[in-house]
Structures are given as C-alpha cells and as structure tokens.
C-alpha cells in the first residue's frame, strides 16, 4: 500500500517508516521545509522513502502529501520544550491533527492512525490500566494529545475516513535518548523515593509493528488501543535490570521525592519565562512517583499484537547503542 508517515525525522516515526518499507509498503514521509538535509533525512532517502515537503500548519502541503495515499500514520507532535507556549502545543497537536485529517479525508485516504500517548491516563491508581481507565493528563503536552484524540475520533465517527487511535507506552530502543537518564540512574548511588511505583516500557521494534496492525487490520476501524511491552515492573526492579546489563550495582541510597520536586518547581519558575532549559523539571521528578502499568490485551485480541522483545533483551540492545554513541 501507499502510506504517509508524519514525524519520520524523529525516533518513533523514523523507525515506523523503515518498518513499513521492509514489510512492503510504498512510503512517503512529511518533512518540514528546512529539515531536508542531515542524517535523519539522508537515512530515509537511502531506505527508499519518498519525501514530501510540508508542515502541519500548511494545508496545501498536506493535501499534496496525501494524494494517492491509502493510510496515514500520524506520529508528528509538539513535544515538551522549555519555554514553549501552550499555543504552540495546540497549534500542532490539535489544529495540525485537524488539518491533516481534513486533507486526508478530502484526498480519499482510507484510514488514519493517530498516535496519542498512554500519558493521557496519568497516574495509574489501579494497575494495570486498560483503554477504559480514567483519563487524567498531567501537563499541556498530554492535554493537547488527548484533545487531538478527540478531534480524530470525531472525524472518524462523522464518516468518510476510518480512524484508529494508538496510545504507545514508554517507547525505548536504539536511537532514543529520553531514557538515557534511566541508564545513568542505574549507574549512580541515589534513588529518588522507594522505587515501588510501576513502570512499563515498550521496545520500539514491537511498537511500530503495533502501528502497522492499527493501519491494516479491518476490525481496528474506530477503535483505541494501548500498545505496551510484554511486562511491567516496579521502578526499582527496572533499575536493577539496567544495572545488571551495565555491570554496576543498583543505587542503595534513597532520598525523599518531594524536596526535589519543590526544587524542580523553583527551577521552572525561574528558567521557563526566560526560555532557558531548567536543570530540573517537576515532571522528571514525577517519574519516580507515578505508576505506569498497562493491559494491552485488547490489541492482542483484536490486532494480533504480540510484542516479541523481552525487557532484558530490549535493555541490552539499547545499552549497546548507547555505548556505540559514546553516551555511556
């Protein structure tokens, strides 16, 4: 099939575009003007992927990108950046999604796979959470991702295009640096909090197959799916697994979370108005206080989603990549 992927110069979108090429699709990616040079784009071209210059703010470019396409995989989003105004998140995550849906519908695209986030569920009080668990987004990014879901679902319910909403959980793997802090934590001496909250990781190779199934399984139309790895652990158990891979001892010293959280709040109060990257964020501290544990059995039953990469293997493959990049 001919497909369009947004966000392909990023970690998840790039993995997805290459995966779809390997499984036989003709892949086009939306690339913002000015980002047509550099390693991510060069790698896409070398993989045989077609580039379409465009932007989620430019309706005409979206209509051109959607021409002749059967499935759109919408991965692009405005992620958390210091000092970014709330309007920027809304412009991309909500209005950009709306524009792309309108362009896709007008061009006769059959299915639209919308990438949301498991973060829309917030802290999981009664783990594991299913797709029907309470929604409790905790910041502007998660708020706008949830609203983007609602926009996508409403367009699908109106008819004219099939919409599938995917909520990925804890994406990691070679090419990602967001979880580098977890690997460095496992090499340190200090743990924030007791480490008893749950955390759930999903290896990117498994995730992109989940996206492909969202795009191709007929019964997925109109449905919402959590896409999560094979198992979750407590944070302390996860850190111990990473430490074992690195050949280090897990942190033994535990310090209270809330003084550090207050320090993060102060850093944001001072730095964000100046558009300076704070050395510490409250949301990074909340990583140690909020449980993330999910039940992806709906995707298993309805899509045939079956993650293959065990947690220890995924950690190993990620650590190898970090070492190759000189990050560990």
Protein backbone atom coordinates (compact mmCIF):
# COMPACT_ATOMS: atom_id res chain seq x y z
CA UNK A 1 0.00 0.00 0.00
CA UNK A 2 0.96 3.63 -0.38
CA UNK A 3 1.23 5.26 3.04
CA UNK A 4 2.16 8.61 4.54
CA UNK A 5 4.08 8.93 7.82
CA UNK A 6 4.42 12.19 9.72
CA UNK A 7 7.17 12.73 12.28
CA UNK A 8 9.58 10.46 10.39
CA UNK A 9 12.65 12.56 11.22
CA UNK A 10 12.03 11.68 14.86
CA UNK A 11 12.76 8.47 16.74
CA UNK A 12 9.41 6.65 16.54
CA UNK A 13 8.34 7.96 13.14
CA UNK A 14 11.71 7.06 11.61
CA UNK A 15 11.50 3.50 12.93
CA UNK A 16 7.94 3.22 11.62
CA UNK A 17 8.76 4.49 8.12
CA UNK A 18 11.60 1.98 7.74
CA UNK A 19 9.49 -0.84 9.16
CA UNK A 20 6.73 -0.18 6.65
CA UNK A 21 9.24 -0.23 3.79
CA UNK A 22 10.54 -3.60 4.99
CA UNK A 23 7.01 -5.00 5.12
CA UNK A 24 6.34 -3.97 1.53
CA UNK A 25 4.61 -0.60 1.64
CA UNK A 26 5.40 2.36 -0.59
CA UNK A 27 6.23 5.01 1.99
CA UNK A 28 6.06 8.77 1.77
CA UNK A 29 7.03 10.98 4.71
CA UNK A 30 6.13 14.56 5.51
CA UNK A 31 9.29 16.61 6.07
CA UNK A 32 9.22 20.22 7.22
CA UNK A 33 10.88 22.75 4.88
CA UNK A 34 14.42 23.36 6.02
CA UNK A 35 14.86 19.89 7.51
CA UNK A 36 15.62 18.25 4.18
CA UNK A 37 19.30 17.89 5.00
CA UNK A 38 21.06 15.92 7.68
CA UNK A 39 21.42 12.39 8.90
CA UNK A 40 17.75 11.54 9.66
CA UNK A 41 16.54 12.63 6.23
CA UNK A 42 19.51 11.11 4.40
CA UNK A 43 18.76 7.79 6.09
CA UNK A 44 15.14 7.92 4.94
CA UNK A 45 16.16 8.57 1.35
CA UNK A 46 18.66 5.71 1.45
CA UNK A 47 15.86 3.42 2.67
CA UNK A 48 13.88 4.20 -0.49
CA UNK A 49 11.39 6.53 1.17
CA UNK A 50 9.74 9.37 -0.73
CA UNK A 51 9.99 12.84 0.81
CA UNK A 52 7.08 15.29 0.73
CA UNK A 53 7.89 18.81 1.84
CA UNK A 54 5.20 20.13 4.12
CA UNK A 55 4.09 21.33 7.51
CA UNK A 56 1.10 20.63 9.74
CA UNK A 57 0.38 24.38 9.57
CA UNK A 58 0.27 24.39 5.74
CA UNK A 59 -2.99 22.96 4.37
CA UNK A 60 -1.88 22.94 0.73
CA UNK A 61 1.25 20.94 1.54
CA UNK A 62 -0.83 18.39 3.47
CA UNK A 63 -3.21 17.95 0.54
CA UNK A 64 -0.27 17.34 -1.77
CA UNK A 65 1.31 14.84 0.64
CA UNK A 66 -1.95 12.88 0.95
CA UNK A 67 -2.51 12.45 -2.78
CA UNK A 68 -2.77 8.77 -3.74
CA UNK A 69 -2.26 7.61 -0.14
CA UNK A 70 -4.31 4.80 1.42
CA UNK A 71 -3.17 5.06 5.05
CA UNK A 72 -1.82 7.98 7.08
CA UNK A 73 0.24 7.26 10.20
CA UNK A 74 0.24 10.50 12.16
CA UNK A 75 3.20 10.37 14.55
CA UNK A 76 4.34 14.02 14.50
CA UNK A 77 3.70 16.09 17.61
CA UNK A 78 4.95 19.08 19.51
CA UNK A 79 6.80 17.53 22.42
CA UNK A 80 7.89 19.12 25.71
CA UNK A 81 10.32 22.02 25.22
CA UNK A 82 11.34 24.62 27.76
CA UNK A 83 9.55 27.91 27.38
CA UNK A 84 7.26 26.75 24.59
CA UNK A 85 3.89 28.49 24.91
CA UNK A 86 0.70 26.47 25.27
CA UNK A 87 -0.45 27.86 21.93
CA UNK A 88 2.38 26.00 20.15
CA UNK A 89 1.23 22.66 21.52
CA UNK A 90 -2.37 23.40 20.50
CA UNK A 91 -1.34 24.54 17.03
CA UNK A 92 0.44 21.26 16.27
CA UNK A 93 -1.15 18.59 18.43
CA UNK A 94 -4.76 19.70 17.96
CA UNK A 95 -5.08 22.00 14.97
CA UNK A 96 -2.33 20.26 12.99
CA UNK A 97 -4.13 16.97 13.52
CA UNK A 98 -7.40 18.55 12.39
CA UNK A 99 -5.80 19.94 9.21
CA UNK A 100 -4.17 16.63 8.34
CA UNK A 101 -7.44 14.77 8.87
CA UNK A 102 -9.26 17.20 6.60
CA UNK A 103 -6.60 16.83 3.91
CA UNK A 104 -6.63 13.03 4.22
CA UNK A 105 -10.43 12.86 4.03
CA UNK A 106 -10.50 15.17 1.02
CA UNK A 107 -7.92 13.05 -0.79
CA UNK A 108 -9.82 9.81 -0.20
CA UNK A 109 -7.41 8.30 2.34
CA UNK A 110 -9.00 5.13 3.68
CA UNK A 111 -7.54 5.00 7.22
CA UNK A 112 -5.89 7.43 9.62
CA UNK A 113 -3.81 6.04 12.51
CA UNK A 114 -3.46 8.70 15.17
CA UNK A 115 -0.57 8.36 17.62
CA UNK A 116 -1.57 9.62 21.05
CA UNK A 117 0.15 8.67 24.32
CA UNK A 118 -0.54 6.47 27.32
CA UNK A 119 0.21 9.58 29.35
CA UNK A 120 -3.40 10.69 28.86
CA UNK A 121 -4.25 8.25 31.68
CA UNK A 122 -1.94 9.99 34.15
CA UNK A 123 -1.06 8.11 37.33
CA UNK A 124 -2.49 4.57 37.29
CA UNK A 125 -4.09 4.06 40.68
CA UNK A 126 -5.44 0.58 39.94
CA UNK A 127 -2.89 -1.14 37.69
CA UNK A 128 -2.86 -2.40 35.08
CA UNK A 129 -4.93 0.15 33.17
CA UNK A 130 -6.98 -0.65 30.08
CA UNK A 131 -8.14 1.74 27.39
CA UNK A 132 -11.21 2.45 29.52
CA UNK A 133 -9.23 3.62 32.57
CA UNK A 134 -9.84 7.22 33.76
CA UNK A 135 -8.22 9.98 31.73
CA UNK A 136 -6.03 12.34 33.76
CA UNK A 137 -3.47 14.18 31.60
CA UNK A 138 -0.87 15.92 33.72
CA UNK A 139 0.59 18.67 31.53
CA UNK A 140 -0.05 20.72 28.39
CA UNK A 141 1.53 18.08 26.16
CA UNK A 142 -0.77 15.35 27.45
CA UNK A 143 -3.77 17.70 27.48
CA UNK A 144 -3.31 18.52 23.80
CA UNK A 145 -2.61 14.91 22.85
CA UNK A 146 -5.91 13.93 24.45
CA UNK A 147 -7.73 16.71 22.62
CA UNK A 148 -6.07 15.56 19.38
CA UNK A 149 -7.50 12.09 20.04
CA UNK A 150 -10.96 13.58 20.42
CA UNK A 151 -10.64 15.54 17.19
CA UNK A 152 -9.52 12.41 15.32
CA UNK A 153 -12.26 10.26 16.79
CA UNK A 154 -14.95 12.80 15.95
CA UNK A 155 -13.85 12.96 12.32
CA UNK A 156 -13.89 9.18 12.11
CA UNK A 157 -17.36 8.99 13.61
CA UNK A 158 -18.61 11.52 11.06
CA UNK A 159 -17.71 9.07 8.29
CA UNK A 160 -15.53 9.39 5.22
CA UNK A 161 -12.36 8.01 6.81
CA UNK A 162 -11.53 5.24 9.26
CA UNK A 163 -9.71 6.42 12.38
CA UNK A 164 -7.69 4.30 14.80
CA UNK A 165 -6.19 5.82 17.95
CA UNK A 166 -2.99 4.27 19.32
CA UNK A 167 -1.63 5.05 22.79
CA UNK A 168 2.01 3.92 22.97
CA UNK A 169 3.62 3.27 26.34
CA UNK A 170 7.22 4.03 27.39
CA UNK A 171 8.91 3.85 23.98
CA UNK A 172 12.61 2.98 24.08
CA UNK A 173 15.31 1.41 21.94
CA UNK A 174 18.31 2.24 19.74
CA UNK A 175 18.04 5.81 18.52
CA UNK A 176 16.24 7.13 21.61
CA UNK A 177 17.94 9.26 24.25
CA UNK A 178 14.96 10.08 26.50
CA UNK A 179 15.59 7.01 28.65
CA UNK A 180 19.32 7.62 28.87
CA UNK A 181 18.64 9.18 32.27
CA UNK A 182 17.30 5.82 33.47
CA UNK A 183 20.53 4.10 32.43
CA UNK A 184 22.58 6.75 34.16
CA UNK A 185 20.44 6.44 37.27
CA UNK A 186 21.25 2.73 37.37
CA UNK A 187 24.95 3.60 37.40
CA UNK A 188 24.57 6.08 40.27
CA UNK A 189 24.24 5.81 44.00
CA UNK A 190 20.96 7.57 44.71
CA UNK A 191 17.33 6.63 44.07
CA UNK A 192 14.50 9.11 44.49
CA UNK A 193 11.72 7.56 46.51
CA UNK A 194 11.19 3.91 47.33
CA UNK A 195 11.01 2.77 43.70
CA UNK A 196 7.75 0.91 44.31
CA UNK A 197 5.76 2.63 41.54
CA UNK A 198 5.25 0.63 38.37
CA UNK A 199 6.86 1.39 35.05
CA UNK A 200 6.11 -0.06 31.64
CA UNK A 201 8.46 0.00 28.65
CA UNK A 202 7.76 -0.85 25.01
CA UNK A 203 10.60 -1.68 22.64
CA UNK A 204 10.30 0.46 19.52
CA UNK A 205 10.54 -2.51 17.15
CA UNK A 206 7.43 -4.02 18.73
CA UNK A 207 5.64 -0.69 18.80
CA UNK A 208 5.98 0.05 15.09
CA UNK A 209 4.54 -3.37 14.26
CA UNK A 210 1.62 -2.41 16.50
CA UNK A 211 1.14 0.76 14.46
CA UNK A 212 1.20 -1.27 11.24
CA UNK A 213 -1.52 -3.55 12.62
CA UNK A 214 -3.59 -0.50 13.55
CA UNK A 215 -3.34 0.55 9.93
CA UNK A 216 -4.11 -2.77 8.30
CA UNK A 217 -6.46 -4.88 10.45
CA UNK A 218 -10.01 -4.23 9.17
CA UNK A 219 -11.68 -4.59 12.59
CA UNK A 220 -9.49 -1.84 14.10
CA UNK A 221 -11.54 0.95 12.50
CA UNK A 222 -12.96 3.26 15.16
CA UNK A 223 -11.05 1.60 18.00
CA UNK A 224 -8.48 2.81 20.55
CA UNK A 225 -5.51 0.65 21.53
CA UNK A 226 -2.83 0.71 24.19
CA UNK A 227 0.42 -0.54 22.67
CA UNK A 228 2.66 -1.75 25.50
CA UNK A 229 5.55 -4.13 26.07
CA UNK A 230 5.26 -7.67 27.38
CA UNK A 231 5.53 -6.79 31.06
CA UNK A 232 5.84 -4.01 33.56
CA UNK A 233 7.98 -3.88 36.70
CA UNK A 234 8.47 -1.69 39.71
CA UNK A 235 10.88 1.16 39.08
CA UNK A 236 13.39 -0.39 41.47
CA UNK A 237 13.24 -3.71 39.60
CA UNK A 238 13.71 -1.90 36.30
CA UNK A 239 16.74 0.00 37.59
CA UNK A 240 18.20 -3.31 38.85
CA UNK A 241 17.77 -4.86 35.37
CA UNK A 242 19.57 -1.92 33.78
CA UNK A 243 22.33 -2.04 36.40
CA UNK A 244 22.81 -5.75 35.71
CA UNK A 245 23.22 -5.02 31.99
CA UNK A 246 25.73 -2.28 32.74
CA UNK A 247 27.65 -4.36 35.27
CA UNK A 248 27.03 -1.88 38.08
CA UNK A 249 25.38 -2.03 41.50
CA UNK A 250 21.88 -0.51 41.74
CA UNK A 251 21.56 2.66 43.83
CA UNK A 252 21.37 1.93 47.54
CA UNK A 253 20.78 5.40 48.95
CA UNK A 254 17.17 6.60 48.90
CA UNK A 255 16.20 10.24 49.29
CA UNK A 256 12.70 11.74 49.62
CA UNK A 257 10.98 12.87 46.43
CA UNK A 258 9.13 15.99 47.49
CA UNK A 259 12.09 18.28 48.34
CA UNK A 260 13.47 17.53 44.88
CA UNK A 261 10.03 18.17 43.34
CA UNK A 262 9.93 21.58 45.03
CA UNK A 263 13.42 22.32 43.70
CA UNK A 264 12.15 21.42 40.21
CA UNK A 265 9.20 23.79 40.61
CA UNK A 266 11.60 26.59 41.59
CA UNK A 267 13.85 25.85 38.58
CA UNK A 268 10.87 26.06 36.24
CA UNK A 269 9.62 29.27 37.86
CA UNK A 270 12.97 30.95 37.20
CA UNK A 271 14.01 29.37 33.88
CA UNK A 272 10.87 28.91 31.81
CA UNK A 273 9.93 32.62 31.48
CA UNK A 274 13.49 33.21 30.27
CA UNK A 275 13.19 30.30 27.80
CA UNK A 276 16.17 28.64 29.43
CA UNK A 277 16.23 24.85 29.80
CA UNK A 278 15.68 24.17 33.53
CA UNK A 279 18.26 21.82 35.08
CA UNK A 280 15.37 20.05 36.81
CA UNK A 281 11.70 19.59 35.89
CA UNK A 282 8.81 18.58 38.14
CA UNK A 283 7.67 16.05 35.52
CA UNK A 284 11.08 14.37 35.64
CA UNK A 285 10.72 14.05 39.39
CA UNK A 286 7.18 12.73 38.95
CA UNK A 287 8.72 9.83 37.02
CA UNK A 288 9.53 8.47 40.49
CA UNK A 289 6.02 8.95 41.90
CA UNK A 290 3.52 8.00 39.18
CA UNK A 291 2.70 4.40 38.32
CA UNK A 292 2.60 3.37 34.67
CA UNK A 293 1.28 -0.15 34.18
CA UNK A 294 -0.99 -1.15 31.31
CA UNK A 295 -3.00 -4.04 29.93
CA UNK A 296 -2.59 -4.28 26.14
CA UNK A 297 -4.75 -7.38 25.78
CA UNK A 298 -7.30 -5.59 23.59
CA UNK A 299 -4.59 -5.01 20.98
CA UNK A 300 -3.60 -8.66 21.36
CA UNK A 301 -7.13 -9.95 20.81
CA UNK A 302 -8.23 -7.59 18.06
CA UNK A 303 -4.99 -6.82 16.22
CA UNK A 304 -2.81 -9.83 16.92
CA UNK A 305 -0.32 -7.50 18.62
CA UNK A 306 2.28 -9.71 20.29
CA UNK A 307 5.47 -7.96 21.46
CA UNK A 308 8.49 -10.18 20.87
CA UNK A 309 11.33 -8.32 22.55
CA UNK A 310 11.66 -9.27 26.22
CA UNK A 311 12.60 -6.45 28.56
CA UNK A 312 16.11 -7.70 29.30
CA UNK A 313 16.83 -8.09 25.56
CA UNK A 314 15.49 -4.61 24.83
CA UNK A 315 17.63 -3.13 27.59
CA UNK A 316 20.67 -4.92 26.21
CA UNK A 317 20.10 -3.69 22.66
CA UNK A 318 19.55 -0.15 23.87
CA UNK A 319 22.67 -0.21 26.05
CA UNK A 320 24.73 -1.44 23.10
CA UNK A 321 23.55 1.53 21.04
CA UNK A 322 24.27 3.99 23.87
CA UNK A 323 27.79 2.62 24.14
CA UNK A 324 28.30 2.86 20.38
CA UNK A 325 27.26 6.52 20.54
CA UNK A 326 29.59 7.20 23.47
CA UNK A 327 26.67 8.05 25.76
CA UNK A 328 27.53 5.53 28.49
